């Protein structure tokens, strides 16, 4: 068996990481790509912490808020060809949904999508391709406001306070420096037209073709 090829997509909140991951899946086929979203791995909260989160007293804009060890374990299992059960996270309740998991089956290509995809040394060691989505932080803020207000029911004052006091500081400390760890940097543009994204897709198609040829040779012997 050929081990899955693991791609990590990192970059600021609102940069378009998830959209690029979905575009890769649409181009390569769902049967060939497994998606592992880092957003699902925010650490579970107890009752007191849940109340603090509702009052905006907890800081989620830090790698410490994410269960990076669990992500590493899942990547290792997927790399070994095994399926994994991952948590399902609710941004409305700031917590994992109790007793609910999502099955991610291993595939020829595994895509890890998240803020800190290129931050953790243990995760970096498991990645075959490191991608960073580079977008101006003002653009990220505009996209984040649209997402949080329209889709997550937050008000603009809360969103702006969080951005000014926590999010931007975290991005500048823990996310934007990881650009220098990337094998390729994508300026987030129109997915279908951006040459860098098409280069990534073309590379992954070559990976699939190479694996298919290797499997054919193996079966013929």
Foldseek 3Di string as FASTA:
>chain_A
DQFAAEEEEAEAAQLCQVVLVVVLCVLPDVQAEWEDEQVLFFDADDPVVLVCVVVVNDACLACVRGPVVVVLVQLVCLRVQAKDWTFGDDPLSRGTDPPDTDIIGRHNYYYYTDHQCQQDPSNLVSHPFYEYADEPVVSSLVSVQCCCVVPVVDDPVSSVVCCVPGRVVSCVVGGPVSNVVGPYYHHDDPCVPGPRSVVVSVVVVVSVVVVVVVVVVVVVD
